[in-house]
Amino acid sequence: MLNEGHCGYAAIIGRPNVGKSTLLNHNLGKKISITSRKPQTTRHRLLGIKTDDKTQIIYVDTPGLHQRKYNAMNRYLNRAATSSMIGVDVIVWLVEALQWTEEDTFVLNTLAEISTPVILGVNKTDKIPDKNTLLPYLQKVATQYDFREIVPISAKKGHNLLELESKIIQLLPISIPLFPEKQITDRSERFLAAELIREKLIRRLGEELPYRLTVQIEHFSSDKKLTHISALIWVERQGQKVIVIGKKGKLLKAIGVEARLEMEALLECKVFLQLWVKVKQGWCDDERVLQQLGYSEE
């Protein structure tokens, strides 16, 4: 048993595409946060709750902090990420091994006025061909901030994650669990279904289009044997709608099949899924529309 009685919040932060959601999913042993190789896949703050006897870590998965502020969506993502650092017990900042970018410096500057203890997780160590190059990098990043701990990890491969978790637990307060033992997230099945559809879209489409689409669940109902889900995929232009649907509807159908199969595994029942694609011009640069589509900081 690990430090029985420790319970608190651990925010996972970092620049886009550094492995925050992969780390969360691996630590929970269950996929609740979508992932892809494209940056800014995560758009919402999401809790992942891990309970072990009376020890409970409440992970806060966050959008990637970035310098781009071109539209309302970019500004929302940064607000969601920075507000997630307020009131937590420990911050886990992920960087990529042997890499340091301008956006890592942006994260560093964001931490300047925060007194919460910070653990640096140096991720993707499995990609380093020569492990001797890691130590000089660790020594260099140690000078950037007063880290409580620096832990080399591979979120994808699961390397050294128990060590990271033990460091997190040591910084959590003594408390009774804040969530029921079997609860693993604060998000609804409706939310998770929308995210699964968006993940399949991101993985299937090109570089730019995923940032110009979102998914809204229009209908969600279930009994013990079957769940009915109807979802709208919103894009900004007619040309984007044509791309998402694909020739003779083949791309949209393939996305629907992939999403449905994963939903069935998540919900543990059969799923009847319907998808429609609609155009809403300028949706990602309209604060009011963003709120209507579920991009709220509450």
C-alpha atoms as a PDB file:
ATOM      1  CA  MET A   1       0.000   0.000   0.000  1.00  0.00           C
ATOM      2  CA  LEU A   2       1.386   3.421  -0.998  1.00  0.00           C
ATOM      3  CA  ASN A   3       1.166   6.060   1.740  1.00  0.00           C
ATOM      4  CA  GLU A   4      -2.369   5.231   2.817  1.00  0.00           C
ATOM      5  CA  GLY A   5      -4.492   8.310   3.355  1.00  0.00           C
ATOM      6  CA  HIS A   6      -2.888  10.597   0.769  1.00  0.00           C
ATOM      7  CA  CYS A   7      -5.415  12.262  -1.544  1.00  0.00           C
ATOM      8  CA  GLY A   8      -5.202  15.310  -3.781  1.00  0.00           C
ATOM      9  CA  TYR A   9      -4.977  16.901  -7.199  1.00  0.00           C
ATOM     10  CA  ALA A  10      -2.067  16.591  -9.640  1.00  0.00           C
ATOM     11  CA  ALA A  11      -2.221  18.763 -12.768  1.00  0.00           C
ATOM     12  CA  ILE A  12      -0.381  17.439 -15.825  1.00  0.00           C
ATOM     13  CA  ILE A  13       0.849  20.374 -17.912  1.00  0.00           C
ATOM     14  CA  GLY A  14       3.195  21.009 -20.818  1.00  0.00           C
ATOM     15  CA  ARG A  15       3.345  22.159 -24.397  1.00  0.00           C
ATOM     16  CA  PRO A  16       1.155  20.456 -27.020  1.00  0.00           C
ATOM     17  CA  ASN A  17       1.906  16.874 -28.046  1.00  0.00           C
ATOM     18  CA  VAL A  18       4.331  16.084 -25.225  1.00  0.00           C
ATOM     19  CA  GLY A  19       2.383  13.060 -23.927  1.00  0.00           C
ATOM     20  CA  LYS A  20       0.106  14.386 -21.180  1.00  0.00           C
ATOM     21  CA  SER A  21      -2.973  12.363 -22.146  1.00  0.00           C
ATOM     22  CA  THR A  22      -0.886   9.249 -22.797  1.00  0.00           C
ATOM     23  CA  LEU A  23       0.531   9.544 -19.272  1.00  0.00           C
ATOM     24  CA  LEU A  24      -2.952   9.918 -17.782  1.00  0.00           C
ATOM     25  CA  ASN A  25      -4.351   6.917 -19.638  1.00  0.00           C
ATOM     26  CA  HIS A  26      -1.402   4.705 -18.734  1.00  0.00           C
ATOM     27  CA  ASN A  27      -1.557   5.625 -15.050  1.00  0.00           C
ATOM     28  CA  LEU A  28      -5.288   4.919 -14.910  1.00  0.00           C
ATOM     29  CA  GLY A  29      -5.009   1.690 -16.869  1.00  0.00           C
ATOM     30  CA  LYS A  30      -7.984   2.868 -18.933  1.00  0.00           C
ATOM     31  CA  LYS A  31      -8.371   5.267 -21.838  1.00  0.00           C
ATOM     32  CA  ILE A  32     -10.424   8.312 -20.901  1.00  0.00           C
ATOM     33  CA  SER A  33      -8.442  11.036 -22.714  1.00  0.00           C
ATOM     34  CA  ILE A  34      -8.090  10.925 -26.487  1.00  0.00           C
ATOM     35  CA  THR A  35      -4.649  10.905 -28.076  1.00  0.00           C
ATOM     36  CA  SER A  36      -3.056  11.468 -31.469  1.00  0.00           C
ATOM     37  CA  ARG A  37       0.259  12.532 -32.935  1.00  0.00           C
ATOM     38  CA  LYS A  38      -1.188  15.925 -33.792  1.00  0.00           C
ATOM     39  CA  PRO A  39      -0.760  18.798 -31.304  1.00  0.00           C
ATOM     40  CA  GLN A  40      -3.747  20.297 -29.464  1.00  0.00           C
ATOM     41  CA  THR A  41      -5.708  17.041 -29.494  1.00  0.00           C
ATOM     42  CA  THR A  42      -6.774  17.725 -25.886  1.00  0.00           C
ATOM     43  CA  ARG A  43      -9.201  20.642 -25.723  1.00  0.00           C
ATOM     44  CA  HIS A  44     -10.826  20.192 -22.334  1.00  0.00           C
ATOM     45  CA  ARG A  45      -9.725  19.980 -18.742  1.00  0.00           C
ATOM     46  CA  LEU A  46     -10.507  16.449 -17.609  1.00  0.00           C
ATOM     47  CA  LEU A  47     -10.105  14.599 -14.308  1.00  0.00           C
ATOM     48  CA  GLY A  48      -8.699  11.080 -14.176  1.00  0.00           C
ATOM     49  CA  ILE A  49      -9.151   9.507 -10.741  1.00  0.00           C
ATOM     50  CA  LYS A  50      -6.904   6.697  -9.525  1.00  0.00           C
ATOM     51  CA  THR A  51      -7.811   5.078  -6.203  1.00  0.00           C
ATOM     52  CA  ASP A  52      -5.605   2.501  -4.495  1.00  0.00           C
ATOM     53  CA  ASP A  53      -6.989   1.483  -1.094  1.00  0.00           C
ATOM     54  CA  LYS A  54      -7.248   4.895   0.611  1.00  0.00           C
ATOM     55  CA  THR A  55      -4.710   6.623  -1.622  1.00  0.00           C
ATOM     56  CA  GLN A  56      -6.374   8.695  -4.345  1.00  0.00           C
ATOM     57  CA  ILE A  57      -4.634  10.737  -7.034  1.00  0.00           C
ATOM     58  CA  ILE A  58      -6.913  13.063  -8.971  1.00  0.00           C
ATOM     59  CA  TYR A  59      -5.044  13.776 -12.196  1.00  0.00           C
ATOM     60  CA  VAL A  60      -6.012  16.899 -14.130  1.00  0.00           C
ATOM     61  CA  ASP A  61      -5.348  16.478 -17.854  1.00  0.00           C
ATOM     62  CA  THR A  62      -4.960  19.837 -19.591  1.00  0.00           C
ATOM     63  CA  PRO A  63      -4.703  21.272 -23.109  1.00  0.00           C
ATOM     64  CA  GLY A  64      -1.173  22.038 -24.252  1.00  0.00           C
ATOM     65  CA  LEU A  65       0.108  25.503 -23.365  1.00  0.00           C
ATOM     66  CA  HIS A  66       1.103  27.340 -26.533  1.00  0.00           C
ATOM     67  CA  GLN A  67       1.966  30.809 -27.784  1.00  0.00           C
ATOM     68  CA  ARG A  68      -0.523  30.905 -30.657  1.00  0.00           C
ATOM     69  CA  LYS A  69      -3.454  33.199 -29.875  1.00  0.00           C
ATOM     70  CA  TYR A  70      -4.927  33.522 -33.361  1.00  0.00           C
ATOM     71  CA  ASN A  71      -8.525  32.838 -32.449  1.00  0.00           C
ATOM     72  CA  ALA A  72     -10.968  32.279 -29.607  1.00  0.00           C
ATOM     73  CA  MET A  73     -10.228  28.538 -29.518  1.00  0.00           C
ATOM     74  CA  ASN A  74      -6.493  29.090 -28.963  1.00  0.00           C
ATOM     75  CA  ARG A  75      -7.215  31.566 -26.190  1.00  0.00           C
ATOM     76  CA  TYR A  76      -9.702  29.166 -24.582  1.00  0.00           C
ATOM     77  CA  LEU A  77      -7.152  26.331 -24.597  1.00  0.00           C
ATOM     78  CA  ASN A  78      -4.564  28.432 -22.777  1.00  0.00           C
ATOM     79  CA  ARG A  79      -7.107  29.652 -20.223  1.00  0.00           C
ATOM     80  CA  ALA A  80      -8.231  26.069 -19.566  1.00  0.00           C
ATOM     81  CA  ALA A  81      -4.622  24.952 -19.078  1.00  0.00           C
ATOM     82  CA  THR A  82      -3.516  27.823 -16.823  1.00  0.00           C
ATOM     83  CA  SER A  83      -6.663  27.737 -14.662  1.00  0.00           C
ATOM     84  CA  SER A  84      -6.058  24.017 -14.085  1.00  0.00           C
ATOM     85  CA  MET A  85      -2.907  24.883 -12.136  1.00  0.00           C
ATOM     86  CA  ILE A  86      -4.845  26.853  -9.537  1.00  0.00           C
ATOM     87  CA  GLY A  87      -5.739  24.997  -6.344  1.00  0.00           C
ATOM     88  CA  VAL A  88      -3.948  21.734  -7.150  1.00  0.00           C
ATOM     89  CA  ASP A  89      -1.492  20.073  -4.755  1.00  0.00           C
ATOM     90  CA  VAL A  90       1.244  19.268  -7.258  1.00  0.00           C
ATOM     91  CA  ILE A  91       2.046  20.091 -10.868  1.00  0.00           C
ATOM     92  CA  VAL A  92       3.579  17.485 -13.157  1.00  0.00           C
ATOM     93  CA  TRP A  93       5.255  19.336 -16.013  1.00  0.00           C
ATOM     94  CA  LEU A  94       6.089  17.139 -18.986  1.00  0.00           C
ATOM     95  CA  VAL A  95       8.895  17.947 -21.396  1.00  0.00           C
ATOM     96  CA  GLU A  96      10.357  15.785 -24.154  1.00  0.00           C
ATOM     97  CA  ALA A  97      13.761  14.259 -23.479  1.00  0.00           C
ATOM     98  CA  LEU A  98      16.644  16.101 -25.211  1.00  0.00           C
ATOM     99  CA  GLN A  99      14.209  18.781 -26.467  1.00  0.00           C
ATOM    100  CA  TRP A 100      13.586  22.342 -25.301  1.00  0.00           C
ATOM    101  CA  THR A 101      11.369  24.579 -27.422  1.00  0.00           C
ATOM    102  CA  GLU A 102      10.085  28.155 -27.259  1.00  0.00           C
ATOM    103  CA  GLU A 103       6.805  26.750 -25.991  1.00  0.00           C
ATOM    104  CA  ASP A 104       8.630  24.985 -23.123  1.00  0.00           C
ATOM    105  CA  THR A 105       9.992  28.421 -22.214  1.00  0.00           C
ATOM    106  CA  PHE A 106       6.428  29.752 -22.444  1.00  0.00           C
ATOM    107  CA  VAL A 107       5.334  27.088 -19.919  1.00  0.00           C
ATOM    108  CA  LEU A 108       8.294  28.001 -17.694  1.00  0.00           C
ATOM    109  CA  ASN A 109       7.248  31.660 -17.713  1.00  0.00           C
ATOM    110  CA  THR A 110       3.665  30.648 -16.896  1.00  0.00           C
ATOM    111  CA  LEU A 111       4.957  28.902 -13.751  1.00  0.00           C
ATOM    112  CA  ALA A 112       6.881  31.989 -12.604  1.00  0.00           C
ATOM    113  CA  GLU A 113       4.255  33.193 -10.125  1.00  0.00           C
ATOM    114  CA  ILE A 114       2.989  29.776  -8.988  1.00  0.00           C
ATOM    115  CA  SER A 115       4.085  28.407  -5.614  1.00  0.00           C
ATOM    116  CA  THR A 116       2.696  24.878  -6.104  1.00  0.00           C
ATOM    117  CA  PRO A 117       5.437  22.204  -6.034  1.00  0.00           C
ATOM    118  CA  VAL A 118       6.466  21.075  -9.519  1.00  0.00           C
ATOM    119  CA  ILE A 119       7.733  17.658 -10.600  1.00  0.00           C
ATOM    120  CA  LEU A 120       9.418  17.600 -14.003  1.00  0.00           C
ATOM    121  CA  GLY A 121       8.597  14.489 -15.998  1.00  0.00           C
ATOM    122  CA  VAL A 122      11.126  14.041 -18.798  1.00  0.00           C
ATOM    123  CA  ASN A 123       9.074  12.012 -21.275  1.00  0.00           C
ATOM    124  CA  LYS A 124       9.789   9.911 -24.378  1.00  0.00           C
ATOM    125  CA  THR A 125      13.062   8.539 -23.019  1.00  0.00           C
ATOM    126  CA  ASP A 126      12.363   5.388 -25.044  1.00  0.00           C
ATOM    127  CA  LYS A 127      13.196   7.379 -28.182  1.00  0.00           C
ATOM    128  CA  ILE A 128      16.764   8.195 -27.077  1.00  0.00           C
ATOM    129  CA  PRO A 129      19.245   6.027 -29.010  1.00  0.00           C
ATOM    130  CA  ASP A 130      22.186   6.922 -26.757  1.00  0.00           C
ATOM    131  CA  LYS A 131      21.141   6.973 -23.093  1.00  0.00           C
ATOM    132  CA  ASN A 132      24.435   8.696 -22.156  1.00  0.00           C
ATOM    133  CA  THR A 133      23.045  11.922 -23.639  1.00  0.00           C
ATOM    134  CA  LEU A 134      20.220  12.023 -21.083  1.00  0.00           C
ATOM    135  CA  LEU A 135      22.262  12.949 -17.984  1.00  0.00           C
ATOM    136  CA  PRO A 136      23.675  16.237 -19.410  1.00  0.00           C
ATOM    137  CA  TYR A 137      20.134  17.174 -20.472  1.00  0.00           C
ATOM    138  CA  LEU A 138      18.765  16.472 -16.978  1.00  0.00           C
ATOM    139  CA  GLN A 139      21.542  18.552 -15.425  1.00  0.00           C
ATOM    140  CA  LYS A 140      20.731  21.425 -17.763  1.00  0.00           C
ATOM    141  CA  VAL A 141      16.960  21.465 -17.201  1.00  0.00           C
ATOM    142  CA  ALA A 142      17.517  21.245 -13.438  1.00  0.00           C
ATOM    143  CA  THR A 143      18.837  24.825 -13.608  1.00  0.00           C
ATOM    144  CA  GLN A 144      15.623  26.135 -15.209  1.00  0.00           C
ATOM    145  CA  TYR A 145      13.382  25.889 -12.117  1.00  0.00           C
ATOM    146  CA  ASP A 146      13.326  24.776  -8.510  1.00  0.00           C
ATOM    147  CA  PHE A 147      11.832  21.360  -9.200  1.00  0.00           C
ATOM    148  CA  ARG A 148      10.904  19.108  -6.298  1.00  0.00           C
ATOM    149  CA  GLU A 149      11.847  16.100  -8.412  1.00  0.00           C
ATOM    150  CA  ILE A 150      13.020  15.309 -11.941  1.00  0.00           C
ATOM    151  CA  VAL A 151      11.888  11.908 -13.195  1.00  0.00           C
ATOM    152  CA  PRO A 152      12.793  10.461 -16.627  1.00  0.00           C
ATOM    153  CA  ILE A 153       9.845   8.464 -18.003  1.00  0.00           C
ATOM    154  CA  SER A 154       8.227   6.951 -21.051  1.00  0.00           C
ATOM    155  CA  ALA A 155       4.456   7.417 -20.832  1.00  0.00           C
ATOM    156  CA  LYS A 156       3.949   5.314 -23.964  1.00  0.00           C
ATOM    157  CA  LYS A 157       6.040   2.363 -22.774  1.00  0.00           C
ATOM    158  CA  GLY A 158       5.224   2.732 -19.060  1.00  0.00           C
ATOM    159  CA  HIS A 159       8.848   3.166 -18.043  1.00  0.00           C
ATOM    160  CA  ASN A 160       9.420   4.593 -14.541  1.00  0.00           C
ATOM    161  CA  LEU A 161       5.788   5.628 -14.052  1.00  0.00           C
ATOM    162  CA  LEU A 162       5.573   4.002 -10.613  1.00  0.00           C
ATOM    163  CA  GLU A 163       8.535   6.121  -9.528  1.00  0.00           C
ATOM    164  CA  LEU A 164       6.803   9.258 -10.803  1.00  0.00           C
ATOM    165  CA  GLU A 165       3.578   8.286  -9.055  1.00  0.00           C
ATOM    166  CA  SER A 166       5.345   7.707  -5.725  1.00  0.00           C
ATOM    167  CA  LYS A 167       6.840  11.216  -5.973  1.00  0.00           C
ATOM    168  CA  ILE A 168       3.388  12.653  -6.648  1.00  0.00           C
ATOM    169  CA  ILE A 169       1.831  10.843  -3.670  1.00  0.00           C
ATOM    170  CA  GLN A 170       4.498  12.189  -1.301  1.00  0.00           C
ATOM    171  CA  LEU A 171       3.327  15.729  -2.128  1.00  0.00           C
ATOM    172  CA  LEU A 172      -0.387  15.067  -1.598  1.00  0.00           C
ATOM    173  CA  PRO A 173      -2.106  15.941   1.680  1.00  0.00           C
ATOM    174  CA  ILE A 174      -3.510  13.406   4.128  1.00  0.00           C
ATOM    175  CA  SER A 175      -7.204  13.222   3.366  1.00  0.00           C
ATOM    176  CA  ILE A 176     -10.100  10.862   2.928  1.00  0.00           C
ATOM    177  CA  PRO A 177     -10.829  10.062  -0.751  1.00  0.00           C
ATOM    178  CA  LEU A 178     -12.704  12.887  -2.489  1.00  0.00           C
ATOM    179  CA  PHE A 179     -14.361  10.618  -5.068  1.00  0.00           C
ATOM    180  CA  PRO A 180     -16.008   7.175  -4.881  1.00  0.00           C
ATOM    181  CA  GLU A 181     -13.587   4.289  -5.291  1.00  0.00           C
ATOM    182  CA  LYS A 182     -14.953   3.146  -8.662  1.00  0.00           C
ATOM    183  CA  GLN A 183     -15.206   6.594 -10.272  1.00  0.00           C
ATOM    184  CA  ILE A 184     -12.397   7.226 -12.787  1.00  0.00           C
ATOM    185  CA  THR A 185     -13.393  10.572 -14.324  1.00  0.00           C
ATOM    186  CA  ASP A 186     -15.613  13.586 -13.788  1.00  0.00           C
ATOM    187  CA  ARG A 187     -16.780  13.505 -17.403  1.00  0.00           C
ATOM    188  CA  SER A 188     -20.008  11.926 -18.644  1.00  0.00           C
ATOM    189  CA  GLU A 189     -20.315   9.074 -21.132  1.00  0.00           C
ATOM    190  CA  ARG A 190     -21.859  11.624 -23.506  1.00  0.00           C
ATOM    191  CA  PHE A 191     -18.677  13.736 -23.347  1.00  0.00           C
ATOM    192  CA  LEU A 192     -16.409  10.703 -23.802  1.00  0.00           C
ATOM    193  CA  ALA A 193     -18.413   9.598 -26.851  1.00  0.00           C
ATOM    194  CA  ALA A 194     -17.944  12.998 -28.516  1.00  0.00           C
ATOM    195  CA  GLU A 195     -14.225  12.888 -27.798  1.00  0.00           C
ATOM    196  CA  LEU A 196     -13.851   9.403 -29.302  1.00  0.00           C
ATOM    197  CA  ILE A 197     -15.460  10.595 -32.526  1.00  0.00           C
ATOM    198  CA  ARG A 198     -13.162  13.630 -32.621  1.00  0.00           C
ATOM    199  CA  GLU A 199     -10.132  11.403 -32.049  1.00  0.00           C
ATOM    200  CA  LYS A 200     -10.987   9.262 -35.087  1.00  0.00           C
ATOM    201  CA  LEU A 201     -11.453  12.411 -37.175  1.00  0.00           C
ATOM    202  CA  ILE A 202      -8.087  13.798 -36.062  1.00  0.00           C
ATOM    203  CA  ARG A 203      -6.282  10.555 -36.846  1.00  0.00           C
ATOM    204  CA  ARG A 204      -7.902  10.198 -40.284  1.00  0.00           C
ATOM    205  CA  LEU A 205      -7.593  13.775 -41.546  1.00  0.00           C
ATOM    206  CA  GLY A 206      -4.728  16.042 -42.628  1.00  0.00           C
ATOM    207  CA  GLU A 207      -2.744  18.598 -40.682  1.00  0.00           C
ATOM    208  CA  GLU A 208      -5.057  21.631 -40.644  1.00  0.00           C
ATOM    209  CA  LEU A 209      -8.610  20.304 -40.786  1.00  0.00           C
ATOM    210  CA  PRO A 210      -8.742  18.747 -37.262  1.00  0.00           C
ATOM    211  CA  TYR A 211      -8.362  22.217 -35.739  1.00  0.00           C
ATOM    212  CA  ARG A 212     -11.389  23.434 -37.698  1.00  0.00           C
ATOM    213  CA  LEU A 213     -13.855  20.810 -36.545  1.00  0.00           C
ATOM    214  CA  THR A 214     -15.634  19.819 -33.373  1.00  0.00           C
ATOM    215  CA  VAL A 215     -18.202  17.211 -32.327  1.00  0.00           C
ATOM    216  CA  GLN A 216     -21.515  17.794 -30.574  1.00  0.00           C
ATOM    217  CA  ILE A 217     -23.706  14.984 -29.250  1.00  0.00           C
ATOM    218  CA  GLU A 218     -27.293  15.678 -30.286  1.00  0.00           C
ATOM    219  CA  HIS A 219     -28.898  12.557 -28.772  1.00  0.00           C
ATOM    220  CA  PHE A 220     -27.690  10.011 -26.214  1.00  0.00           C
ATOM    221  CA  SER A 221     -29.937   7.370 -24.698  1.00  0.00           C
ATOM    222  CA  SER A 222     -29.267   3.889 -23.422  1.00  0.00           C
ATOM    223  CA  ASP A 223     -30.718   0.790 -21.856  1.00  0.00           C
ATOM    224  CA  LYS A 224     -28.875  -2.297 -20.685  1.00  0.00           C
ATOM    225  CA  LYS A 225     -28.440  -3.727 -24.187  1.00  0.00           C
ATOM    226  CA  LEU A 226     -28.166  -0.779 -26.602  1.00  0.00           C
ATOM    227  CA  THR A 227     -27.027   2.851 -26.588  1.00  0.00           C
ATOM    228  CA  HIS A 228     -28.298   5.243 -29.289  1.00  0.00           C
ATOM    229  CA  ILE A 229     -25.960   8.124 -30.127  1.00  0.00           C
ATOM    230  CA  SER A 230     -26.464  10.860 -32.718  1.00  0.00           C
ATOM    231  CA  ALA A 231     -23.586  13.287 -33.256  1.00  0.00           C
ATOM    232  CA  LEU A 232     -23.000  16.427 -35.308  1.00  0.00           C
ATOM    233  CA  ILE A 233     -19.545  17.131 -36.718  1.00  0.00           C
ATOM    234  CA  TRP A 234     -19.176  20.878 -37.160  1.00  0.00           C
ATOM    235  CA  VAL A 235     -16.755  22.323 -39.729  1.00  0.00           C
ATOM    236  CA  GLU A 236     -16.214  25.890 -40.936  1.00  0.00           C
ATOM    237  CA  ARG A 237     -16.569  25.565 -44.718  1.00  0.00           C
ATOM    238  CA  GLN A 238     -18.418  23.495 -47.302  1.00  0.00           C
ATOM    239  CA  GLY A 239     -15.122  22.232 -48.713  1.00  0.00           C
ATOM    240  CA  GLN A 240     -14.220  20.833 -45.300  1.00  0.00           C
ATOM    241  CA  LYS A 241     -17.557  19.046 -45.115  1.00  0.00           C
ATOM    242  CA  VAL A 242     -16.803  17.297 -48.424  1.00  0.00           C
ATOM    243  CA  ILE A 243     -13.403  16.152 -47.088  1.00  0.00           C
ATOM    244  CA  VAL A 244     -14.863  14.755 -43.845  1.00  0.00           C
ATOM    245  CA  ILE A 245     -17.585  12.817 -45.670  1.00  0.00           C
ATOM    246  CA  GLY A 246     -15.143  11.468 -48.253  1.00  0.00           C
ATOM    247  CA  LYS A 247     -15.833   9.912 -51.626  1.00  0.00           C
ATOM    248  CA  LYS A 248     -19.268   8.265 -51.576  1.00  0.00           C
ATOM    249  CA  GLY A 249     -19.318   8.746 -47.788  1.00  0.00           C
ATOM    250  CA  LYS A 250     -16.557   6.183 -47.233  1.00  0.00           C
ATOM    251  CA  LEU A 251     -14.415   8.266 -44.861  1.00  0.00           C
ATOM    252  CA  LEU A 252     -17.305   9.233 -42.594  1.00  0.00           C
ATOM    253  CA  LYS A 253     -18.473   5.616 -42.528  1.00  0.00           C
ATOM    254  CA  ALA A 254     -14.996   4.375 -41.546  1.00  0.00           C
ATOM    255  CA  ILE A 255     -14.761   6.986 -38.787  1.00  0.00           C
ATOM    256  CA  GLY A 256     -18.181   5.913 -37.511  1.00  0.00           C
ATOM    257  CA  VAL A 257     -17.192   2.244 -37.398  1.00  0.00           C
ATOM    258  CA  GLU A 258     -13.951   2.951 -35.511  1.00  0.00           C
ATOM    259  CA  ALA A 259     -15.695   5.232 -33.010  1.00  0.00           C
ATOM    260  CA  ARG A 260     -18.580   2.806 -32.486  1.00  0.00           C
ATOM    261  CA  LEU A 261     -16.317  -0.146 -31.724  1.00  0.00           C
ATOM    262  CA  GLU A 262     -14.392   1.840 -29.141  1.00  0.00           C
ATOM    263  CA  MET A 263     -17.614   3.170 -27.611  1.00  0.00           C
ATOM    264  CA  GLU A 264     -18.906  -0.380 -27.238  1.00  0.00           C
ATOM    265  CA  ALA A 265     -15.753  -1.322 -25.338  1.00  0.00           C
ATOM    266  CA  LEU A 266     -16.104   1.761 -23.137  1.00  0.00           C
ATOM    267  CA  LEU A 267     -19.839   1.451 -22.463  1.00  0.00           C
ATOM    268  CA  GLU A 268     -19.859  -2.369 -22.396  1.00  0.00           C
ATOM    269  CA  CYS A 269     -22.938  -2.601 -24.602  1.00  0.00           C
ATOM    270  CA  LYS A 270     -23.927  -2.385 -28.258  1.00  0.00           C
ATOM    271  CA  VAL A 271     -23.973   1.113 -29.779  1.00  0.00           C
ATOM    272  CA  PHE A 272     -26.070   2.487 -32.639  1.00  0.00           C
ATOM    273  CA  LEU A 273     -24.153   5.545 -33.898  1.00  0.00           C
ATOM    274  CA  GLN A 274     -25.303   8.134 -36.432  1.00  0.00           C
ATOM    275  CA  LEU A 275     -23.049  10.935 -37.704  1.00  0.00           C
ATOM    276  CA  TRP A 276     -23.889  14.107 -39.630  1.00  0.00           C
ATOM    277  CA  VAL A 277     -21.555  16.834 -40.878  1.00  0.00           C
ATOM    278  CA  LYS A 278     -22.701  20.463 -40.786  1.00  0.00           C
ATOM    279  CA  VAL A 279     -21.120  23.844 -41.544  1.00  0.00           C
ATOM    280  CA  LYS A 280     -20.954  26.680 -39.018  1.00  0.00           C
ATOM    281  CA  GLN A 281     -18.729  29.427 -40.373  1.00  0.00           C
ATOM    282  CA  GLY A 282     -16.199  30.931 -37.982  1.00  0.00           C
ATOM    283  CA  TRP A 283     -17.247  28.756 -35.033  1.00  0.00           C
ATOM    284  CA  CYS A 284     -13.710  28.487 -33.585  1.00  0.00           C
ATOM    285  CA  ASP A 285     -13.318  32.285 -33.372  1.00  0.00           C
ATOM    286  CA  ASP A 286     -16.656  33.038 -31.722  1.00  0.00           C
ATOM    287  CA  GLU A 287     -16.670  32.951 -27.906  1.00  0.00           C
ATOM    288  CA  ARG A 288     -20.454  32.591 -27.721  1.00  0.00           C
ATOM    289  CA  VAL A 289     -20.565  29.678 -30.168  1.00  0.00           C
ATOM    290  CA  LEU A 290     -17.680  27.977 -28.383  1.00  0.00           C
ATOM    291  CA  GLN A 291     -19.667  28.005 -25.153  1.00  0.00           C
ATOM    292  CA  GLN A 292     -22.702  26.587 -26.956  1.00  0.00           C
ATOM    293  CA  LEU A 293     -20.507  23.768 -28.261  1.00  0.00           C
ATOM    294  CA  GLY A 294     -19.272  22.869 -24.773  1.00  0.00           C
ATOM    295  CA  TYR A 295     -16.055  24.860 -24.566  1.00  0.00           C
ATOM    296  CA  SER A 296     -16.681  26.210 -21.097  1.00  0.00           C
ATOM    297  CA  GLU A 297     -14.110  26.745 -18.350  1.00  0.00           C
ATOM    298  CA  GLU A 298     -16.543  25.740 -15.608  1.00  0.00           C
END
